[in-house]
Amino acid sequence: MAIDPVCKMEVDEATAAATSEFEGQTYYFCAPGCKKVFDAEPKKYLSAAKTQ
């Protein structure tokens, strides 16, 4: 299971609603809306994840 970097939900990689590639890493999303938000500012969501 992966964690959606936007909403923090658990996402099954096999059935994820959307994915994005950023700096060689694949990120999985529960919904296309989370992917859209992430794609606009990926570093914002990745830096937030590192501080938690």
PDB file of N, CA and C in Angstrom:
ATOM      1  N   MET A   1       0.844  -1.189   0.000  1.00  0.00           N
ATOM      2  CA  MET A   1       0.000   0.000   0.000  1.00  0.00           C
ATOM      3  C   MET A   1       0.886   1.248   0.000  1.00  0.00           C
ATOM      4  N   ALA A   2       0.440   2.230  -0.736  1.00  0.00           N
ATOM      5  CA  ALA A   2       1.125   3.520  -0.793  1.00  0.00           C
ATOM      6  C   ALA A   2       0.270   4.552  -0.060  1.00  0.00           C
ATOM      7  N   ILE A   3       0.873   5.671   0.246  1.00  0.00           N
ATOM      8  CA  ILE A   3       0.136   6.770   0.888  1.00  0.00           C
ATOM      9  C   ILE A   3       0.009   7.909  -0.122  1.00  0.00           C
ATOM     10  N   ASP A   4      -1.202   8.344  -0.369  1.00  0.00           N
ATOM     11  CA  ASP A   4      -1.453   9.495  -1.233  1.00  0.00           C
ATOM     12  C   ASP A   4      -0.792  10.710  -0.564  1.00  0.00           C
ATOM     13  N   PRO A   5       0.164  11.361  -1.246  1.00  0.00           N
ATOM     14  CA  PRO A   5       0.883  12.467  -0.604  1.00  0.00           C
ATOM     15  C   PRO A   5       0.028  13.710  -0.349  1.00  0.00           C
ATOM     16  N   VAL A   6      -1.133  13.787  -0.963  1.00  0.00           N
ATOM     17  CA  VAL A   6      -1.997  14.963  -0.779  1.00  0.00           C
ATOM     18  C   VAL A   6      -2.947  14.769   0.402  1.00  0.00           C
ATOM     19  N   CYS A   7      -3.736  13.698   0.373  1.00  0.00           N
ATOM     20  CA  CYS A   7      -4.762  13.502   1.402  1.00  0.00           C
ATOM     21  C   CYS A   7      -4.368  12.482   2.467  1.00  0.00           C
ATOM     22  N   LYS A   8      -3.231  11.808   2.258  1.00  0.00           N
ATOM     23  CA  LYS A   8      -2.677  10.833   3.212  1.00  0.00           C
ATOM     24  C   LYS A   8      -3.472   9.538   3.328  1.00  0.00           C
ATOM     25  N   MET A   9      -4.366   9.273   2.387  1.00  0.00           N
ATOM     26  CA  MET A   9      -5.100   8.005   2.387  1.00  0.00           C
ATOM     27  C   MET A   9      -4.191   6.881   1.914  1.00  0.00           C
ATOM     28  N   GLU A  10      -4.471   5.655   2.377  1.00  0.00           N
ATOM     29  CA  GLU A  10      -3.779   4.488   1.849  1.00  0.00           C
ATOM     30  C   GLU A  10      -4.346   4.175   0.479  1.00  0.00           C
ATOM     31  N   VAL A  11      -3.450   3.866  -0.465  1.00  0.00           N
ATOM     32  CA  VAL A  11      -3.859   3.586  -1.837  1.00  0.00           C
ATOM     33  C   VAL A  11      -3.183   2.293  -2.276  1.00  0.00           C
ATOM     34  N   ASP A  12      -3.962   1.383  -2.836  1.00  0.00           N
ATOM     35  CA  ASP A  12      -3.411   0.153  -3.399  1.00  0.00           C
ATOM     36  C   ASP A  12      -2.782   0.510  -4.746  1.00  0.00           C
ATOM     37  N   GLU A  13      -1.493   0.238  -4.888  1.00  0.00           N
ATOM     38  CA  GLU A  13      -0.786   0.592  -6.123  1.00  0.00           C
ATOM     39  C   GLU A  13      -1.442  -0.027  -7.362  1.00  0.00           C
ATOM     40  N   ALA A  14      -2.008  -1.219  -7.216  1.00  0.00           N
ATOM     41  CA  ALA A  14      -2.604  -1.925  -8.354  1.00  0.00           C
ATOM     42  C   ALA A  14      -3.909  -1.285  -8.824  1.00  0.00           C
ATOM     43  N   THR A  15      -4.595  -0.575  -7.934  1.00  0.00           N
ATOM     44  CA  THR A  15      -5.905  -0.020  -8.302  1.00  0.00           C
ATOM     45  C   THR A  15      -5.977   1.493  -8.111  1.00  0.00           C
ATOM     46  N   ALA A  16      -4.843   2.147  -7.988  1.00  0.00           N
ATOM     47  CA  ALA A  16      -4.821   3.599  -7.779  1.00  0.00           C
ATOM     48  C   ALA A  16      -5.569   4.325  -8.893  1.00  0.00           C
ATOM     49  N   ALA A  17      -6.299   5.360  -8.521  1.00  0.00           N
ATOM     50  CA  ALA A  17      -7.060   6.141  -9.497  1.00  0.00           C
ATOM     51  C   ALA A  17      -6.145   6.920 -10.435  1.00  0.00           C
ATOM     52  N   ALA A  18      -4.938   7.252  -9.948  1.00  0.00           N
ATOM     53  CA  ALA A  18      -4.001   8.031 -10.759  1.00  0.00           C
ATOM     54  C   ALA A  18      -2.595   7.846 -10.207  1.00  0.00           C
ATOM     55  N   THR A  19      -1.608   8.102 -11.063  1.00  0.00           N
ATOM     56  CA  THR A  19      -0.211   8.085 -10.633  1.00  0.00           C
ATOM     57  C   THR A  19       0.515   9.272 -11.247  1.00  0.00           C
ATOM     58  N   SER A  20       1.617   9.659 -10.599  1.00  0.00           N
ATOM     59  CA  SER A  20       2.498  10.700 -11.137  1.00  0.00           C
ATOM     60  C   SER A  20       3.931  10.264 -10.915  1.00  0.00           C
ATOM     61  N   GLU A  21       4.792  10.661 -11.833  1.00  0.00           N
ATOM     62  CA  GLU A  21       6.228  10.462 -11.685  1.00  0.00           C
ATOM     63  C   GLU A  21       6.835  11.814 -11.332  1.00  0.00           C
ATOM     64  N   PHE A  22       7.700  11.825 -10.313  1.00  0.00           N
ATOM     65  CA  PHE A  22       8.404  13.044  -9.937  1.00  0.00           C
ATOM     66  C   PHE A  22       9.775  12.659  -9.429  1.00  0.00           C
ATOM     67  N   GLU A  23      10.805  13.205 -10.043  1.00  0.00           N
ATOM     68  CA  GLU A  23      12.193  12.952  -9.674  1.00  0.00           C
ATOM     69  C   GLU A  23      12.481  11.459  -9.534  1.00  0.00           C
ATOM     70  N   GLY A  24      11.987  10.678 -10.508  1.00  0.00           N
ATOM     71  CA  GLY A  24      12.267   9.251 -10.557  1.00  0.00           C
ATOM     72  C   GLY A  24      11.441   8.383  -9.630  1.00  0.00           C
ATOM     73  N   GLN A  25      10.501   8.967  -8.917  1.00  0.00           N
ATOM     74  CA  GLN A  25       9.658   8.232  -7.974  1.00  0.00           C
ATOM     75  C   GLN A  25       8.211   8.248  -8.474  1.00  0.00           C
ATOM     76  N   THR A  26       7.507   7.135  -8.297  1.00  0.00           N
ATOM     77  CA  THR A  26       6.088   7.066  -8.643  1.00  0.00           C
ATOM     78  C   THR A  26       5.259   7.333  -7.398  1.00  0.00           C
ATOM     79  N   TYR A  27       4.262   8.185  -7.540  1.00  0.00           N
ATOM     80  CA  TYR A  27       3.333   8.499  -6.453  1.00  0.00           C
ATOM     81  C   TYR A  27       1.936   8.060  -6.881  1.00  0.00           C
ATOM     82  N   TYR A  28       1.184   7.540  -5.919  1.00  0.00           N
ATOM     83  CA  TYR A  28      -0.137   6.967  -6.183  1.00  0.00           C
ATOM     84  C   TYR A  28      -1.198   7.812  -5.488  1.00  0.00           C
ATOM     85  N   PHE A  29      -2.351   7.953  -6.174  1.00  0.00           N
ATOM     86  CA  PHE A  29      -3.405   8.838  -5.689  1.00  0.00           C
ATOM     87  C   PHE A  29      -4.745   8.121  -5.628  1.00  0.00           C
ATOM     88  N   CYS A  30      -5.550   8.545  -4.650  1.00  0.00           N
ATOM     89  CA  CYS A  30      -6.876   7.956  -4.467  1.00  0.00           C
ATOM     90  C   CYS A  30      -7.869   8.479  -5.507  1.00  0.00           C
ATOM     91  N   ALA A  31      -7.585   9.660  -6.045  1.00  0.00           N
ATOM     92  CA  ALA A  31      -8.509  10.295  -6.991  1.00  0.00           C
ATOM     93  C   ALA A  31      -7.737  11.213  -7.932  1.00  0.00           C
ATOM     94  N   PRO A  32      -8.270  11.441  -9.133  1.00  0.00           N
ATOM     95  CA  PRO A  32      -7.603  12.353 -10.071  1.00  0.00           C
ATOM     96  C   PRO A  32      -7.406  13.757  -9.516  1.00  0.00           C
ATOM     97  N   GLY A  33      -8.297  14.197  -8.639  1.00  0.00           N
ATOM     98  CA  GLY A  33      -8.165  15.532  -8.048  1.00  0.00           C
ATOM     99  C   GLY A  33      -6.901  15.667  -7.206  1.00  0.00           C
ATOM    100  N   CYS A  34      -6.561  14.615  -6.462  1.00  0.00           N
ATOM    101  CA  CYS A  34      -5.329  14.650  -5.656  1.00  0.00           C
ATOM    102  C   CYS A  34      -4.105  14.708  -6.577  1.00  0.00           C
ATOM    103  N   LYS A  35      -4.140  13.968  -7.672  1.00  0.00           N
ATOM    104  CA  LYS A  35      -3.028  14.013  -8.631  1.00  0.00           C
ATOM    105  C   LYS A  35      -2.863  15.413  -9.197  1.00  0.00           C
ATOM    106  N   LYS A  36      -3.966  16.053  -9.544  1.00  0.00           N
ATOM    107  CA  LYS A  36      -3.916  17.398 -10.121  1.00  0.00           C
ATOM    108  C   LYS A  36      -3.299  18.396  -9.140  1.00  0.00           C
ATOM    109  N   VAL A  37      -3.695  18.309  -7.884  1.00  0.00           N
ATOM    110  CA  VAL A  37      -3.156  19.197  -6.858  1.00  0.00           C
ATOM    111  C   VAL A  37      -1.662  18.929  -6.666  1.00  0.00           C
ATOM    112  N   PHE A  38      -1.282  17.651  -6.603  1.00  0.00           N
ATOM    113  CA  PHE A  38       0.123  17.281  -6.443  1.00  0.00           C
ATOM    114  C   PHE A  38       0.958  17.772  -7.619  1.00  0.00           C
ATOM    115  N   ASP A  39       0.475  17.552  -8.833  1.00  0.00           N
ATOM    116  CA  ASP A  39       1.227  17.939 -10.031  1.00  0.00           C
ATOM    117  C   ASP A  39       1.488  19.448 -10.098  1.00  0.00           C
ATOM    118  N   ALA A  40       0.600  20.235  -9.498  1.00  0.00           N
ATOM    119  CA  ALA A  40       0.780  21.688  -9.502  1.00  0.00           C
ATOM    120  C   ALA A  40       1.923  22.115  -8.579  1.00  0.00           C
ATOM    121  N   GLU A  41       2.115  21.415  -7.465  1.00  0.00           N
ATOM    122  CA  GLU A  41       3.144  21.783  -6.475  1.00  0.00           C
ATOM    123  C   GLU A  41       3.697  20.544  -5.771  1.00  0.00           C
ATOM    124  N   PRO A  42       4.362  19.654  -6.491  1.00  0.00           N
ATOM    125  CA  PRO A  42       4.806  18.401  -5.858  1.00  0.00           C
ATOM    126  C   PRO A  42       5.740  18.609  -4.675  1.00  0.00           C
ATOM    127  N   LYS A  43       6.637  19.567  -4.749  1.00  0.00           N
ATOM    128  CA  LYS A  43       7.590  19.765  -3.642  1.00  0.00           C
ATOM    129  C   LYS A  43       6.889  20.182  -2.357  1.00  0.00           C
ATOM    130  N   LYS A  44       5.777  20.900  -2.479  1.00  0.00           N
ATOM    131  CA  LYS A  44       5.005  21.300  -1.295  1.00  0.00           C
ATOM    132  C   LYS A  44       4.536  20.060  -0.534  1.00  0.00           C
ATOM    133  N   TYR A  45       4.019  19.068  -1.240  1.00  0.00           N
ATOM    134  CA  TYR A  45       3.470  17.875  -0.589  1.00  0.00           C
ATOM    135  C   TYR A  45       4.565  16.923  -0.152  1.00  0.00           C
ATOM    136  N   LEU A  46       5.667  16.884  -0.847  1.00  0.00           N
ATOM    137  CA  LEU A  46       6.756  16.000  -0.450  1.00  0.00           C
ATOM    138  C   LEU A  46       7.493  16.548   0.744  1.00  0.00           C
ATOM    139  N   SER A  47       7.683  17.852   0.827  1.00  0.00           N
ATOM    140  CA  SER A  47       8.359  18.423   1.998  1.00  0.00           C
ATOM    141  C   SER A  47       7.457  18.301   3.224  1.00  0.00           C
ATOM    142  N   ALA A  48       6.153  18.391   3.064  1.00  0.00           N
ATOM    143  CA  ALA A  48       5.224  18.225   4.174  1.00  0.00           C
ATOM    144  C   ALA A  48       5.298  16.786   4.706  1.00  0.00           C
ATOM    145  N   ALA A  49       5.444  15.832   3.826  1.00  0.00           N
ATOM    146  CA  ALA A  49       5.526  14.430   4.234  1.00  0.00           C
ATOM    147  C   ALA A  49       6.792  14.157   5.035  1.00  0.00           C
ATOM    148  N   LYS A  50       7.885  14.820   4.690  1.00  0.00           N
ATOM    149  CA  LYS A  50       9.160  14.599   5.384  1.00  0.00           C
ATOM    150  C   LYS A  50       9.171  15.171   6.792  1.00  0.00           C
ATOM    151  N   THR A  51       8.336  16.180   7.046  1.00  0.00           N
ATOM    152  CA  THR A  51       8.339  16.821   8.358  1.00  0.00           C
ATOM    153  C   THR A  51       7.379  16.134   9.323  1.00  0.00           C
ATOM    154  N   GLN A  52       6.639  15.144   8.875  1.00  0.00           N
ATOM    155  CA  GLN A  52       5.679  14.466   9.745  1.00  0.00           C
ATOM    156  C   GLN A  52       6.292  13.250  10.394  1.00  0.00           C
TER     157      GLN A  52
END
